[in-house]
PDB file of N, CA and C in Angstrom:
ATOM      1  N   MET A   1      -0.951   6.540 -24.396  1.00  0.00           N
ATOM      2  CA  MET A   1      -1.251   7.880 -25.155  1.00  0.00           C
ATOM      3  C   MET A   1      -1.868   6.938 -27.067  1.00  0.00           C
ATOM      4  N   ILE A   2      -2.329   7.741 -27.380  1.00  0.00           N
ATOM      5  CA  ILE A   2      -3.281   7.211 -28.987  1.00  0.00           C
ATOM      6  C   ILE A   2      -1.798   7.429 -29.623  1.00  0.00           C
ATOM      7  N   ASP A   3      -1.833   6.361 -30.552  1.00  0.00           N
ATOM      8  CA  ASP A   3      -0.773   6.649 -31.432  1.00  0.00           C
ATOM      9  C   ASP A   3      -1.356   7.057 -33.174  1.00  0.00           C
ATOM     10  N   HIS A   4      -2.670   6.336 -33.218  1.00  0.00           N
ATOM     11  CA  HIS A   4      -3.266   7.128 -34.620  1.00  0.00           C
ATOM     12  C   HIS A   4      -4.224   5.988 -34.591  1.00  0.00           C
ATOM     13  N   LEU A   5      -5.352   7.132 -34.891  1.00  0.00           N
ATOM     14  CA  LEU A   5      -6.379   6.625 -35.364  1.00  0.00           C
ATOM     15  C   LEU A   5      -7.331   6.850 -36.724  1.00  0.00           C
ATOM     16  N   ASP A   6      -7.752   6.109 -37.176  1.00  0.00           N
ATOM     17  CA  ASP A   6      -8.464   6.313 -38.630  1.00  0.00           C
ATOM     18  C   ASP A   6     -10.006   6.122 -38.264  1.00  0.00           C
ATOM     19  N   ILE A   7     -10.738   7.554 -38.624  1.00  0.00           N
ATOM     20  CA  ILE A   7     -12.089   7.847 -38.105  1.00  0.00           C
ATOM     21  C   ILE A   7     -13.163   8.220 -39.206  1.00  0.00           C
ATOM     22  N   HIS A   8     -14.004   7.453 -39.058  1.00  0.00           N
ATOM     23  CA  HIS A   8     -14.684   8.033 -40.628  1.00  0.00           C
ATOM     24  C   HIS A   8     -16.120   8.995 -39.695  1.00  0.00           C
ATOM     25  N   VAL A   9     -16.489   9.478 -40.449  1.00  0.00           N
ATOM     26  CA  VAL A   9     -17.126  10.662 -40.446  1.00  0.00           C
ATOM     27  C   VAL A   9     -18.383  10.739 -41.338  1.00  0.00           C
ATOM     28  N   GLN A  10     -19.118  11.941 -41.197  1.00  0.00           N
ATOM     29  CA  GLN A  10     -20.392  11.784 -41.939  1.00  0.00           C
ATOM     30  C   GLN A  10     -19.588  13.443 -42.822  1.00  0.00           C
ATOM     31  N   ASP A  11     -19.647  14.138 -41.867  1.00  0.00           N
ATOM     32  CA  ASP A  11     -19.611  15.780 -41.993  1.00  0.00           C
ATOM     33  C   ASP A  11     -18.003  16.371 -41.633  1.00  0.00           C
ATOM     34  N   LEU A  12     -17.278  16.719 -42.253  1.00  0.00           N
ATOM     35  CA  LEU A  12     -15.866  17.268 -41.823  1.00  0.00           C
ATOM     36  C   LEU A  12     -15.971  18.774 -41.148  1.00  0.00           C
ATOM     37  N   SER A  13     -16.639  19.425 -41.683  1.00  0.00           N
ATOM     38  CA  SER A  13     -17.057  20.826 -41.299  1.00  0.00           C
ATOM     39  C   SER A  13     -17.665  20.636 -39.602  1.00  0.00           C
ATOM     40  N   ARG A  14     -18.539  19.886 -38.777  1.00  0.00           N
ATOM     41  CA  ARG A  14     -19.037  19.770 -38.154  1.00  0.00           C
ATOM     42  C   ARG A  14     -17.837  18.897 -37.409  1.00  0.00           C
ATOM     43  N   THR A  15     -17.131  17.948 -37.943  1.00  0.00           N
ATOM     44  CA  THR A  15     -16.476  17.279 -37.176  1.00  0.00           C
ATOM     45  C   THR A  15     -15.013  18.353 -36.633  1.00  0.00           C
ATOM     46  N   LYS A  16     -14.685  19.182 -37.429  1.00  0.00           N
ATOM     47  CA  LYS A  16     -13.531  20.205 -37.579  1.00  0.00           C
ATOM     48  C   LYS A  16     -13.945  21.083 -36.083  1.00  0.00           C
ATOM     49  N   LYS A  17     -14.889  21.450 -36.261  1.00  0.00           N
ATOM     50  CA  LYS A  17     -15.517  22.377 -35.071  1.00  0.00           C
ATOM     51  C   LYS A  17     -15.292  21.434 -34.119  1.00  0.00           C
ATOM     52  N   PHE A  18     -15.863  20.449 -33.861  1.00  0.00           N
ATOM     53  CA  PHE A  18     -16.116  19.884 -32.329  1.00  0.00           C
ATOM     54  C   PHE A  18     -14.843  19.303 -32.009  1.00  0.00           C
ATOM     55  N   TYR A  19     -14.116  19.084 -32.863  1.00  0.00           N
ATOM     56  CA  TYR A  19     -12.999  17.838 -32.474  1.00  0.00           C
ATOM     57  C   TYR A  19     -11.689  19.611 -32.374  1.00  0.00           C
ATOM     58  N   THR A  20     -11.687  20.583 -33.071  1.00  0.00           N
ATOM     59  CA  THR A  20     -10.914  21.502 -32.988  1.00  0.00           C
ATOM     60  C   THR A  20     -10.598  22.203 -31.390  1.00  0.00           C
ATOM     61  N   THR A  21     -11.927  22.424 -31.133  1.00  0.00           N
ATOM     62  CA  THR A  21     -12.361  22.782 -29.913  1.00  0.00           C
ATOM     63  C   THR A  21     -12.008  21.973 -28.383  1.00  0.00           C
ATOM     64  N   ILE A  22     -12.842  20.930 -28.741  1.00  0.00           N
ATOM     65  CA  ILE A  22     -12.431  19.790 -27.578  1.00  0.00           C
ATOM     66  C   ILE A  22     -10.898  19.563 -27.177  1.00  0.00           C
ATOM     67  N   LEU A  23      -9.965  19.045 -28.283  1.00  0.00           N
ATOM     68  CA  LEU A  23      -8.998  18.682 -28.194  1.00  0.00           C
ATOM     69  C   LEU A  23      -7.584  19.990 -27.667  1.00  0.00           C
ATOM     70  N   SER A  24      -8.265  20.890 -28.138  1.00  0.00           N
ATOM     71  CA  SER A  24      -7.549  22.174 -27.576  1.00  0.00           C
ATOM     72  C   SER A  24      -7.424  22.244 -25.772  1.00  0.00           C
ATOM     73  N   ALA A  25      -8.741  21.486 -24.996  1.00  0.00           N
ATOM     74  CA  ALA A  25      -8.710  21.394 -23.871  1.00  0.00           C
ATOM     75  C   ALA A  25      -7.389  20.539 -23.190  1.00  0.00           C
ATOM     76  N   LEU A  26      -6.915  19.592 -24.144  1.00  0.00           N
ATOM     77  CA  LEU A  26      -6.181  18.418 -24.009  1.00  0.00           C
ATOM     78  C   LEU A  26      -4.446  19.199 -24.539  1.00  0.00           C
ATOM     79  N   GLY A  27      -4.966  19.550 -25.211  1.00  0.00           N
ATOM     80  CA  GLY A  27      -3.281  20.294 -25.971  1.00  0.00           C
ATOM     81  C   GLY A  27      -2.818  19.994 -27.182  1.00  0.00           C
ATOM     82  N   GLY A  28      -4.579  19.454 -28.099  1.00  0.00           N
ATOM     83  CA  GLY A  28      -4.148  18.696 -29.122  1.00  0.00           C
ATOM     84  C   GLY A  28      -4.393  19.894 -30.024  1.00  0.00           C
ATOM     85  N   HIS A  29      -3.821  19.420 -31.713  1.00  0.00           N
ATOM     86  CA  HIS A  29      -4.529  20.607 -32.668  1.00  0.00           C
ATOM     87  C   HIS A  29      -4.452  19.935 -33.475  1.00  0.00           C
ATOM     88  N   LEU A  30      -5.245  20.527 -35.032  1.00  0.00           N
ATOM     89  CA  LEU A  30      -5.333  20.572 -36.424  1.00  0.00           C
ATOM     90  C   LEU A  30      -3.965  20.489 -36.902  1.00  0.00           C
ATOM     91  N   ILE A  31      -3.473  19.627 -37.803  1.00  0.00           N
ATOM     92  CA  ILE A  31      -2.089  19.507 -38.060  1.00  0.00           C
ATOM     93  C   ILE A  31      -2.154  20.012 -39.464  1.00  0.00           C
ATOM     94  N   ASP A  32      -3.333  18.871 -40.060  1.00  0.00           N
ATOM     95  CA  ASP A  32      -3.631  19.175 -41.500  1.00  0.00           C
ATOM     96  C   ASP A  32      -5.113  18.915 -41.949  1.00  0.00           C
ATOM     97  N   GLU A  33      -5.339  19.226 -43.530  1.00  0.00           N
ATOM     98  CA  GLU A  33      -6.619  19.500 -43.464  1.00  0.00           C
ATOM     99  C   GLU A  33      -6.843  19.238 -45.097  1.00  0.00           C
ATOM    100  N   SER A  34      -7.597  18.311 -45.741  1.00  0.00           N
ATOM    101  CA  SER A  34      -8.203  18.431 -47.102  1.00  0.00           C
ATOM    102  C   SER A  34      -9.458  18.251 -47.126  1.00  0.00           C
ATOM    103  N   ASN A  35      -9.628  18.202 -48.229  1.00  0.00           N
ATOM    104  CA  ASN A  35     -11.087  17.919 -48.911  1.00  0.00           C
ATOM    105  C   ASN A  35     -11.667  16.545 -48.073  1.00  0.00           C
ATOM    106  N   SER A  36     -10.738  15.882 -48.403  1.00  0.00           N
ATOM    107  CA  SER A  36     -11.114  14.283 -48.004  1.00  0.00           C
ATOM    108  C   SER A  36     -10.707  14.158 -46.319  1.00  0.00           C
ATOM    109  N   GLY A  37      -9.969  14.874 -45.529  1.00  0.00           N
ATOM    110  CA  GLY A  37      -9.890  14.583 -44.387  1.00  0.00           C
ATOM    111  C   GLY A  37      -9.097  15.570 -43.249  1.00  0.00           C
ATOM    112  N   LEU A  38      -9.159  15.375 -41.752  1.00  0.00           N
ATOM    113  CA  LEU A  38      -8.265  16.063 -41.109  1.00  0.00           C
ATOM    114  C   LEU A  38      -7.523  15.414 -40.546  1.00  0.00           C
ATOM    115  N   THR A  39      -6.467  15.730 -39.719  1.00  0.00           N
ATOM    116  CA  THR A  39      -5.459  14.969 -39.155  1.00  0.00           C
ATOM    117  C   THR A  39      -5.214  16.178 -38.372  1.00  0.00           C
ATOM    118  N   TYR A  40      -5.359  15.310 -36.761  1.00  0.00           N
ATOM    119  CA  TYR A  40      -5.064  16.295 -35.266  1.00  0.00           C
ATOM    120  C   TYR A  40      -4.022  15.618 -34.844  1.00  0.00           C
ATOM    121  N   GLN A  41      -2.771  16.237 -34.041  1.00  0.00           N
ATOM    122  CA  GLN A  41      -1.428  15.968 -33.128  1.00  0.00           C
ATOM    123  C   GLN A  41      -2.572  15.542 -31.991  1.00  0.00           C
ATOM    124  N   THR A  42      -2.264  14.585 -31.191  1.00  0.00           N
ATOM    125  CA  THR A  42      -3.001  14.150 -30.014  1.00  0.00           C
ATOM    126  C   THR A  42      -1.495  14.309 -29.117  1.00  0.00           C
ATOM    127  N   GLY A  43      -0.323  13.929 -29.280  1.00  0.00           N
ATOM    128  CA  GLY A  43       0.888  14.039 -28.379  1.00  0.00           C
ATOM    129  C   GLY A  43       1.340  14.966 -28.058  1.00  0.00           C
ATOM    130  N   GLU A  44       2.764  14.955 -27.983  1.00  0.00           N
ATOM    131  CA  GLU A  44       3.809  15.652 -27.492  1.00  0.00           C
ATOM    132  C   GLU A  44       4.494  16.211 -29.156  1.00  0.00           C
ATOM    133  N   ASN A  45       4.243  15.277 -30.058  1.00  0.00           N
ATOM    134  CA  ASN A  45       4.820  15.430 -31.676  1.00  0.00           C
ATOM    135  C   ASN A  45       3.984  14.756 -32.199  1.00  0.00           C
ATOM    136  N   ALA A  46       4.278  14.435 -33.677  1.00  0.00           N
ATOM    137  CA  ALA A  46       2.915  13.921 -35.134  1.00  0.00           C
ATOM    138  C   ALA A  46       3.372  12.585 -34.791  1.00  0.00           C
ATOM    139  N   ASP A  47       3.724  12.258 -33.623  1.00  0.00           N
ATOM    140  CA  ASP A  47       3.542  10.590 -33.849  1.00  0.00           C
ATOM    141  C   ASP A  47       2.173  10.263 -33.249  1.00  0.00           C
ATOM    142  N   GLY A  48       1.605  10.864 -32.340  1.00  0.00           N
ATOM    143  CA  GLY A  48       0.284  10.732 -31.798  1.00  0.00           C
ATOM    144  C   GLY A  48      -0.747  11.319 -33.014  1.00  0.00           C
ATOM    145  N   TYR A  49      -1.570  10.811 -33.625  1.00  0.00           N
ATOM    146  CA  TYR A  49      -2.712  11.265 -34.922  1.00  0.00           C
ATOM    147  C   TYR A  49      -3.858  10.794 -34.817  1.00  0.00           C
ATOM    148  N   ILE A  50      -4.950  11.545 -34.941  1.00  0.00           N
ATOM    149  CA  ILE A  50      -6.150  10.959 -35.287  1.00  0.00           C
ATOM    150  C   ILE A  50      -6.224  11.501 -36.737  1.00  0.00           C
ATOM    151  N   TRP A  51      -6.495  11.032 -37.385  1.00  0.00           N
ATOM    152  CA  TRP A  51      -7.068  11.071 -38.929  1.00  0.00           C
ATOM    153  C   TRP A  51      -8.572  11.043 -38.981  1.00  0.00           C
ATOM    154  N   PHE A  52      -9.430  11.909 -39.436  1.00  0.00           N
ATOM    155  CA  PHE A  52     -10.833  11.790 -39.779  1.00  0.00           C
ATOM    156  C   PHE A  52     -10.979  11.844 -41.108  1.00  0.00           C
ATOM    157  N   GLU A  53     -11.981  10.821 -41.933  1.00  0.00           N
ATOM    158  CA  GLU A  53     -12.162  11.065 -43.349  1.00  0.00           C
ATOM    159  C   GLU A  53     -13.417  10.815 -43.414  1.00  0.00           C
ATOM    160  N   ILE A  54     -14.030  11.310 -44.512  1.00  0.00           N
ATOM    161  CA  ILE A  54     -15.596  11.067 -45.031  1.00  0.00           C
ATOM    162  C   ILE A  54     -15.913   9.529 -45.015  1.00  0.00           C
ATOM    163  N   GLY A  55     -16.891   9.034 -44.502  1.00  0.00           N
ATOM    164  CA  GLY A  55     -16.979   7.536 -44.713  1.00  0.00           C
ATOM    165  C   GLY A  55     -18.342   7.299 -43.138  1.00  0.00           C
ATOM    166  N   GLU A  56     -18.662   6.034 -43.733  1.00  0.00           N
ATOM    167  CA  GLU A  56     -19.767   5.499 -43.003  1.00  0.00           C
ATOM    168  C   GLU A  56     -19.293   5.201 -41.457  1.00  0.00           C
ATOM    169  N   PRO A  57     -19.930   6.012 -40.430  1.00  0.00           N
ATOM    170  CA  PRO A  57     -19.479   6.005 -38.928  1.00  0.00           C
ATOM    171  C   PRO A  57     -19.669   4.564 -38.668  1.00  0.00           C
ATOM    172  N   TYR A  58     -18.587   4.066 -37.921  1.00  0.00           N
ATOM    173  CA  TYR A  58     -18.948   2.510 -36.839  1.00  0.00           C
ATOM    174  C   TYR A  58     -18.752   2.970 -35.442  1.00  0.00           C
ATOM    175  N   PRO A  59     -19.138   2.405 -34.606  1.00  0.00           N
ATOM    176  CA  PRO A  59     -19.451   2.391 -33.111  1.00  0.00           C
ATOM    177  C   PRO A  59     -18.047   2.060 -32.604  1.00  0.00           C
ATOM    178  N   PHE A  60     -17.206   2.650 -31.763  1.00  0.00           N
ATOM    179  CA  PHE A  60     -15.982   1.902 -30.877  1.00  0.00           C
ATOM    180  C   PHE A  60     -16.037   3.147 -30.207  1.00  0.00           C
ATOM    181  N   HIS A  61     -15.069   2.799 -29.003  1.00  0.00           N
ATOM    182  CA  HIS A  61     -15.000   3.922 -28.035  1.00  0.00           C
ATOM    183  C   HIS A  61     -13.312   4.386 -27.793  1.00  0.00           C
ATOM    184  N   PHE A  62     -12.937   5.547 -27.486  1.00  0.00           N
ATOM    185  CA  PHE A  62     -11.783   6.009 -27.595  1.00  0.00           C
ATOM    186  C   PHE A  62     -11.628   6.956 -26.456  1.00  0.00           C
ATOM    187  N   ALA A  63     -10.272   6.932 -25.648  1.00  0.00           N
ATOM    188  CA  ALA A  63      -9.826   7.996 -24.660  1.00  0.00           C
ATOM    189  C   ALA A  63      -8.991   8.471 -24.772  1.00  0.00           C
ATOM    190  N   PHE A  64      -8.628   9.712 -24.446  1.00  0.00           N
ATOM    191  CA  PHE A  64      -7.598  10.548 -24.783  1.00  0.00           C
ATOM    192  C   PHE A  64      -7.456  10.970 -23.352  1.00  0.00           C
ATOM    193  N   GLN A  65      -5.659  10.948 -22.960  1.00  0.00           N
ATOM    194  CA  GLN A  65      -5.221  11.155 -22.075  1.00  0.00           C
ATOM    195  C   GLN A  65      -5.116  12.861 -21.476  1.00  0.00           C
ATOM    196  N   ALA A  66      -5.424  12.722 -20.362  1.00  0.00           N
ATOM    197  CA  ALA A  66      -5.754  14.180 -19.627  1.00  0.00           C
ATOM    198  C   ALA A  66      -4.441  14.301 -18.749  1.00  0.00           C
ATOM    199  N   LYS A  67      -4.101  15.504 -18.580  1.00  0.00           N
ATOM    200  CA  LYS A  67      -2.995  15.522 -17.563  1.00  0.00           C
ATOM    201  C   LYS A  67      -3.568  16.006 -16.109  1.00  0.00           C
ATOM    202  N   THR A  68      -4.664  16.776 -16.110  1.00  0.00           N
ATOM    203  CA  THR A  68      -5.212  17.147 -14.506  1.00  0.00           C
ATOM    204  C   THR A  68      -6.489  16.575 -14.585  1.00  0.00           C
ATOM    205  N   ASN A  69      -7.416  16.980 -13.646  1.00  0.00           N
ATOM    206  CA  ASN A  69      -8.711  16.443 -13.601  1.00  0.00           C
ATOM    207  C   ASN A  69      -9.298  17.731 -14.296  1.00  0.00           C
ATOM    208  N   SER A  70      -8.330  19.191 -13.999  1.00  0.00           N
ATOM    209  CA  SER A  70      -9.284  20.283 -14.657  1.00  0.00           C
ATOM    210  C   SER A  70      -9.049  19.923 -16.000  1.00  0.00           C
ATOM    211  N   GLU A  71      -7.995  19.409 -16.972  1.00  0.00           N
ATOM    212  CA  GLU A  71      -8.512  19.323 -18.491  1.00  0.00           C
ATOM    213  C   GLU A  71      -9.420  18.269 -18.414  1.00  0.00           C
ATOM    214  N   VAL A  72     -10.017  17.662 -17.995  1.00  0.00           N
ATOM    215  CA  VAL A  72     -11.021  16.403 -18.078  1.00  0.00           C
ATOM    216  C   VAL A  72     -12.221  17.254 -18.205  1.00  0.00           C
ATOM    217  N   ASP A  73     -12.621  18.244 -17.123  1.00  0.00           N
ATOM    218  CA  ASP A  73     -13.574  19.047 -17.226  1.00  0.00           C
ATOM    219  C   ASP A  73     -13.297  20.258 -18.094  1.00  0.00           C
ATOM    220  N   GLU A  74     -12.595  20.749 -18.500  1.00  0.00           N
ATOM    221  CA  GLU A  74     -12.762  21.316 -19.868  1.00  0.00           C
ATOM    222  C   GLU A  74     -13.295  20.751 -20.984  1.00  0.00           C
ATOM    223  N   PHE A  75     -12.609  19.462 -20.953  1.00  0.00           N
ATOM    224  CA  PHE A  75     -12.790  18.514 -22.525  1.00  0.00           C
ATOM    225  C   PHE A  75     -14.263  18.601 -22.435  1.00  0.00           C
ATOM    226  N   TYR A  76     -15.177  18.521 -21.022  1.00  0.00           N
ATOM    227  CA  TYR A  76     -16.343  17.700 -21.169  1.00  0.00           C
ATOM    228  C   TYR A  76     -17.079  19.242 -21.307  1.00  0.00           C
ATOM    229  N   LYS A  77     -16.747  20.307 -20.994  1.00  0.00           N
ATOM    230  CA  LYS A  77     -17.618  21.355 -20.937  1.00  0.00           C
ATOM    231  C   LYS A  77     -17.359  21.828 -22.689  1.00  0.00           C
ATOM    232  N   LYS A  78     -16.357  21.832 -23.218  1.00  0.00           N
ATOM    233  CA  LYS A  78     -16.181  22.042 -24.419  1.00  0.00           C
ATOM    234  C   LYS A  78     -17.055  21.250 -25.311  1.00  0.00           C
ATOM    235  N   ALA A  79     -16.891  19.837 -25.084  1.00  0.00           N
ATOM    236  CA  ALA A  79     -17.537  18.561 -25.841  1.00  0.00           C
ATOM    237  C   ALA A  79     -19.575  19.335 -25.907  1.00  0.00           C
ATOM    238  N   LEU A  80     -19.516  19.948 -24.625  1.00  0.00           N
ATOM    239  CA  LEU A  80     -21.159  19.487 -24.588  1.00  0.00           C
ATOM    240  C   LEU A  80     -21.680  21.138 -25.119  1.00  0.00           C
ATOM    241  N   GLU A  81     -20.298  21.939 -25.257  1.00  0.00           N
ATOM    242  CA  GLU A  81     -20.970  23.246 -26.029  1.00  0.00           C
ATOM    243  C   GLU A  81     -20.965  23.201 -27.541  1.00  0.00           C
ATOM    244  N   ASN A  82     -20.496  22.182 -27.928  1.00  0.00           N
ATOM    245  CA  ASN A  82     -19.887  22.190 -29.261  1.00  0.00           C
ATOM    246  C   ASN A  82     -20.803  20.811 -30.318  1.00  0.00           C
ATOM    247  N   GLY A  83     -21.670  20.358 -28.989  1.00  0.00           N
ATOM    248  CA  GLY A  83     -22.377  19.121 -30.070  1.00  0.00           C
ATOM    249  C   GLY A  83     -22.294  18.072 -29.097  1.00  0.00           C
ATOM    250  N   GLY A  84     -21.717  17.948 -28.257  1.00  0.00           N
ATOM    251  CA  GLY A  84     -21.758  16.488 -27.468  1.00  0.00           C
ATOM    252  C   GLY A  84     -22.424  16.045 -26.725  1.00  0.00           C
ATOM    253  N   LYS A  85     -22.917  14.952 -26.469  1.00  0.00           N
ATOM    254  CA  LYS A  85     -23.963  14.486 -25.752  1.00  0.00           C
ATOM    255  C   LYS A  85     -23.209  14.155 -24.378  1.00  0.00           C
ATOM    256  N   ASP A  86     -23.674  14.298 -23.599  1.00  0.00           N
ATOM    257  CA  ASP A  86     -23.492  13.541 -22.336  1.00  0.00           C
ATOM    258  C   ASP A  86     -23.390  11.889 -22.463  1.00  0.00           C
ATOM    259  N   ASN A  87     -22.485  11.439 -21.695  1.00  0.00           N
ATOM    260  CA  ASN A  87     -22.555  10.012 -21.618  1.00  0.00           C
ATOM    261  C   ASN A  87     -21.636   9.624 -20.159  1.00  0.00           C
ATOM    262  N   GLY A  88     -21.652  10.433 -19.252  1.00  0.00           N
ATOM    263  CA  GLY A  88     -20.800  10.280 -17.759  1.00  0.00           C
ATOM    264  C   GLY A  88     -20.304  11.784 -17.898  1.00  0.00           C
ATOM    265  N   THR A  89     -20.544  12.510 -16.614  1.00  0.00           N
ATOM    266  CA  THR A  89     -20.235  13.373 -16.185  1.00  0.00           C
ATOM    267  C   THR A  89     -18.321  13.301 -15.587  1.00  0.00           C
ATOM    268  N   PRO A  90     -17.936  14.318 -15.184  1.00  0.00           N
ATOM    269  CA  PRO A  90     -16.790  14.097 -14.857  1.00  0.00           C
ATOM    270  C   PRO A  90     -17.110  13.580 -13.070  1.00  0.00           C
ATOM    271  N   ALA A  91     -16.274  12.786 -12.997  1.00  0.00           N
ATOM    272  CA  ALA A  91     -16.091  12.110 -11.972  1.00  0.00           C
ATOM    273  C   ALA A  91     -14.898  11.110 -11.745  1.00  0.00           C
ATOM    274  N   TYR A  92     -14.302  10.506 -10.413  1.00  0.00           N
ATOM    275  CA  TYR A  92     -13.601   9.543  -9.881  1.00  0.00           C
ATOM    276  C   TYR A  92     -14.552   8.162 -10.516  1.00  0.00           C
ATOM    277  N   ARG A  93     -13.633   7.463 -11.176  1.00  0.00           N
ATOM    278  CA  ARG A  93     -14.218   6.077 -11.375  1.00  0.00           C
ATOM    279  C   ARG A  93     -13.607   4.923 -10.497  1.00  0.00           C
ATOM    280  N   LYS A  94     -14.437   4.707  -9.314  1.00  0.00           N
ATOM    281  CA  LYS A  94     -13.884   3.344  -8.588  1.00  0.00           C
ATOM    282  C   LYS A  94     -12.413   3.965  -7.895  1.00  0.00           C
ATOM    283  N   ASP A  95     -12.887   5.218  -7.625  1.00  0.00           N
ATOM    284  CA  ASP A  95     -11.664   6.204  -6.872  1.00  0.00           C
ATOM    285  C   ASP A  95     -10.121   5.367  -7.416  1.00  0.00           C
ATOM    286  N   ASP A  96     -10.434   5.349  -8.696  1.00  0.00           N
ATOM    287  CA  ASP A  96      -9.201   4.868  -9.330  1.00  0.00           C
ATOM    288  C   ASP A  96      -8.422   6.090 -10.267  1.00  0.00           C
ATOM    289  N   TYR A  97      -9.431   6.674 -10.711  1.00  0.00           N
ATOM    290  CA  TYR A  97      -9.295   7.517 -12.114  1.00  0.00           C
ATOM    291  C   TYR A  97     -10.336   8.349 -12.263  1.00  0.00           C
ATOM    292  N   TYR A  98      -9.819   9.633 -12.758  1.00  0.00           N
ATOM    293  CA  TYR A  98     -10.929  11.013 -13.279  1.00  0.00           C
ATOM    294  C   TYR A  98     -11.289  10.991 -15.002  1.00  0.00           C
ATOM    295  N   ALA A  99     -12.180  10.565 -14.904  1.00  0.00           N
ATOM    296  CA  ALA A  99     -12.858  11.120 -16.435  1.00  0.00           C
ATOM    297  C   ALA A  99     -14.529  11.237 -16.526  1.00  0.00           C
ATOM    298  N   ALA A 100     -14.312  11.862 -18.011  1.00  0.00           N
ATOM    299  CA  ALA A 100     -15.584  11.909 -18.787  1.00  0.00           C
ATOM    300  C   ALA A 100     -15.944  11.462 -20.052  1.00  0.00           C
ATOM    301  N   PHE A 101     -17.436  11.259 -20.141  1.00  0.00           N
ATOM    302  CA  PHE A 101     -17.741  10.563 -21.430  1.00  0.00           C
ATOM    303  C   PHE A 101     -18.581  11.272 -22.209  1.00  0.00           C
ATOM    304  N   ILE A 102     -18.019  11.163 -23.270  1.00  0.00           N
ATOM    305  CA  ILE A 102     -19.075  12.133 -24.075  1.00  0.00           C
ATOM    306  C   ILE A 102     -19.465  11.088 -25.291  1.00  0.00           C
ATOM    307  N   ILE A 103     -21.082  11.430 -25.789  1.00  0.00           N
ATOM    308  CA  ILE A 103     -21.078  10.890 -27.757  1.00  0.00           C
ATOM    309  C   ILE A 103     -21.011  11.823 -28.616  1.00  0.00           C
ATOM    310  N   ASP A 104     -19.946  11.697 -29.384  1.00  0.00           N
ATOM    311  CA  ASP A 104     -19.484  12.909 -30.243  1.00  0.00           C
ATOM    312  C   ASP A 104     -20.938  13.092 -31.419  1.00  0.00           C
ATOM    313  N   PRO A 105     -20.907  14.044 -32.513  1.00  0.00           N
ATOM    314  CA  PRO A 105     -21.894  14.249 -33.021  1.00  0.00           C
ATOM    315  C   PRO A 105     -22.123  12.858 -34.000  1.00  0.00           C
ATOM    316  N   ASP A 106     -20.680  12.034 -34.453  1.00  0.00           N
ATOM    317  CA  ASP A 106     -21.190  10.933 -35.375  1.00  0.00           C
ATOM    318  C   ASP A 106     -21.825   9.718 -34.569  1.00  0.00           C
ATOM    319  N   GLY A 107     -21.811   9.870 -33.280  1.00  0.00           N
ATOM    320  CA  GLY A 107     -22.201   8.810 -32.168  1.00  0.00           C
ATOM    321  C   GLY A 107     -21.160   7.912 -31.524  1.00  0.00           C
ATOM    322  N   TYR A 108     -19.741   8.186 -31.647  1.00  0.00           N
ATOM    323  CA  TYR A 108     -18.576   7.967 -31.488  1.00  0.00           C
ATOM    324  C   TYR A 108     -18.399   8.075 -29.294  1.00  0.00           C
ATOM    325  N   ARG A 109     -18.432   7.065 -28.966  1.00  0.00           N
ATOM    326  CA  ARG A 109     -18.043   7.560 -27.439  1.00  0.00           C
ATOM    327  C   ARG A 109     -16.742   7.611 -27.152  1.00  0.00           C
ATOM    328  N   ILE A 110     -16.560   8.858 -26.757  1.00  0.00           N
ATOM    329  CA  ILE A 110     -14.740   9.338 -26.420  1.00  0.00           C
ATOM    330  C   ILE A 110     -15.010   9.486 -25.050  1.00  0.00           C
ATOM    331  N   GLU A 111     -13.482   9.423 -24.107  1.00  0.00           N
ATOM    332  CA  GLU A 111     -13.507   9.449 -23.291  1.00  0.00           C
ATOM    333  C   GLU A 111     -12.155  10.647 -23.259  1.00  0.00           C
ATOM    334  N   ALA A 112     -12.480  11.534 -22.021  1.00  0.00           N
ATOM    335  CA  ALA A 112     -10.741  12.110 -21.504  1.00  0.00           C
ATOM    336  C   ALA A 112     -10.643  11.524 -20.271  1.00  0.00           C
ATOM    337  N   VAL A 113      -9.380  11.270 -19.752  1.00  0.00           N
ATOM    338  CA  VAL A 113      -9.312  10.479 -18.365  1.00  0.00           C
ATOM    339  C   VAL A 113      -7.802  10.808 -17.947  1.00  0.00           C
ATOM    340  N   CYS A 114      -7.964  11.017 -16.405  1.00  0.00           N
ATOM    341  CA  CYS A 114      -6.671  11.200 -15.645  1.00  0.00           C
ATOM    342  C   CYS A 114      -6.344  10.324 -14.695  1.00  0.00           C
ATOM    343  N   HIS A 115      -5.496  10.093 -15.204  1.00  0.00           N
ATOM    344  CA  HIS A 115      -5.334   8.299 -14.188  1.00  0.00           C
ATOM    345  C   HIS A 115      -4.555   8.955 -12.687  1.00  0.00           C
ATOM    346  N   THR A 116      -5.388   9.884 -11.695  1.00  0.00           N
ATOM    347  CA  THR A 116      -4.403  10.217 -10.572  1.00  0.00           C
ATOM    348  C   THR A 116      -5.758   9.863  -9.472  1.00  0.00           C
ATOM    349  N   LYS A 117      -5.055   8.785  -8.867  1.00  0.00           N
ATOM    350  CA  LYS A 117      -6.294   8.542  -7.561  1.00  0.00           C
ATOM    351  C   LYS A 117      -6.988   9.384  -6.657  1.00  0.00           C
ATOM    352  N   LYS A 118      -8.190   9.189  -6.188  1.00  0.00           N
ATOM    353  CA  LYS A 118      -8.623   9.943  -5.304  1.00  0.00           C
ATOM    354  C   LYS A 118      -7.999   9.878  -3.907  1.00  0.00           C
ATOM    355  N   GLU A 119      -7.669  11.269  -3.678  1.00  0.00           N
ATOM    356  CA  GLU A 119      -7.485  11.486  -2.100  1.00  0.00           C
ATOM    357  C   GLU A 119      -7.956  11.969  -1.017  1.00  0.00           C
TER     358      GLU A 119
END
């Protein structure tokens, strides 16, 4: 589970559209918005959150937990429909976990992962 992330983005409106849509596939949602930032709840309560603020993006990778492979598929589909770029289609990786990889509109490498082994 992600506890929290602070991420710099160039365009809050674009970020809001992209992340509101794709995080809904995993049960996340917008919990606070201001002129300088957006906060998304990512877990069962507000302890897990992502805060997006205006600033110069810097590269790193982060992954969101999915409960099912279907959630990973939905995350991937919604990401592509909302400005994300494919960086790895939904599939089992080393028969150990199911994941999809996206590059978001600011160039961040994001992943949705379900830790179910291939049968």
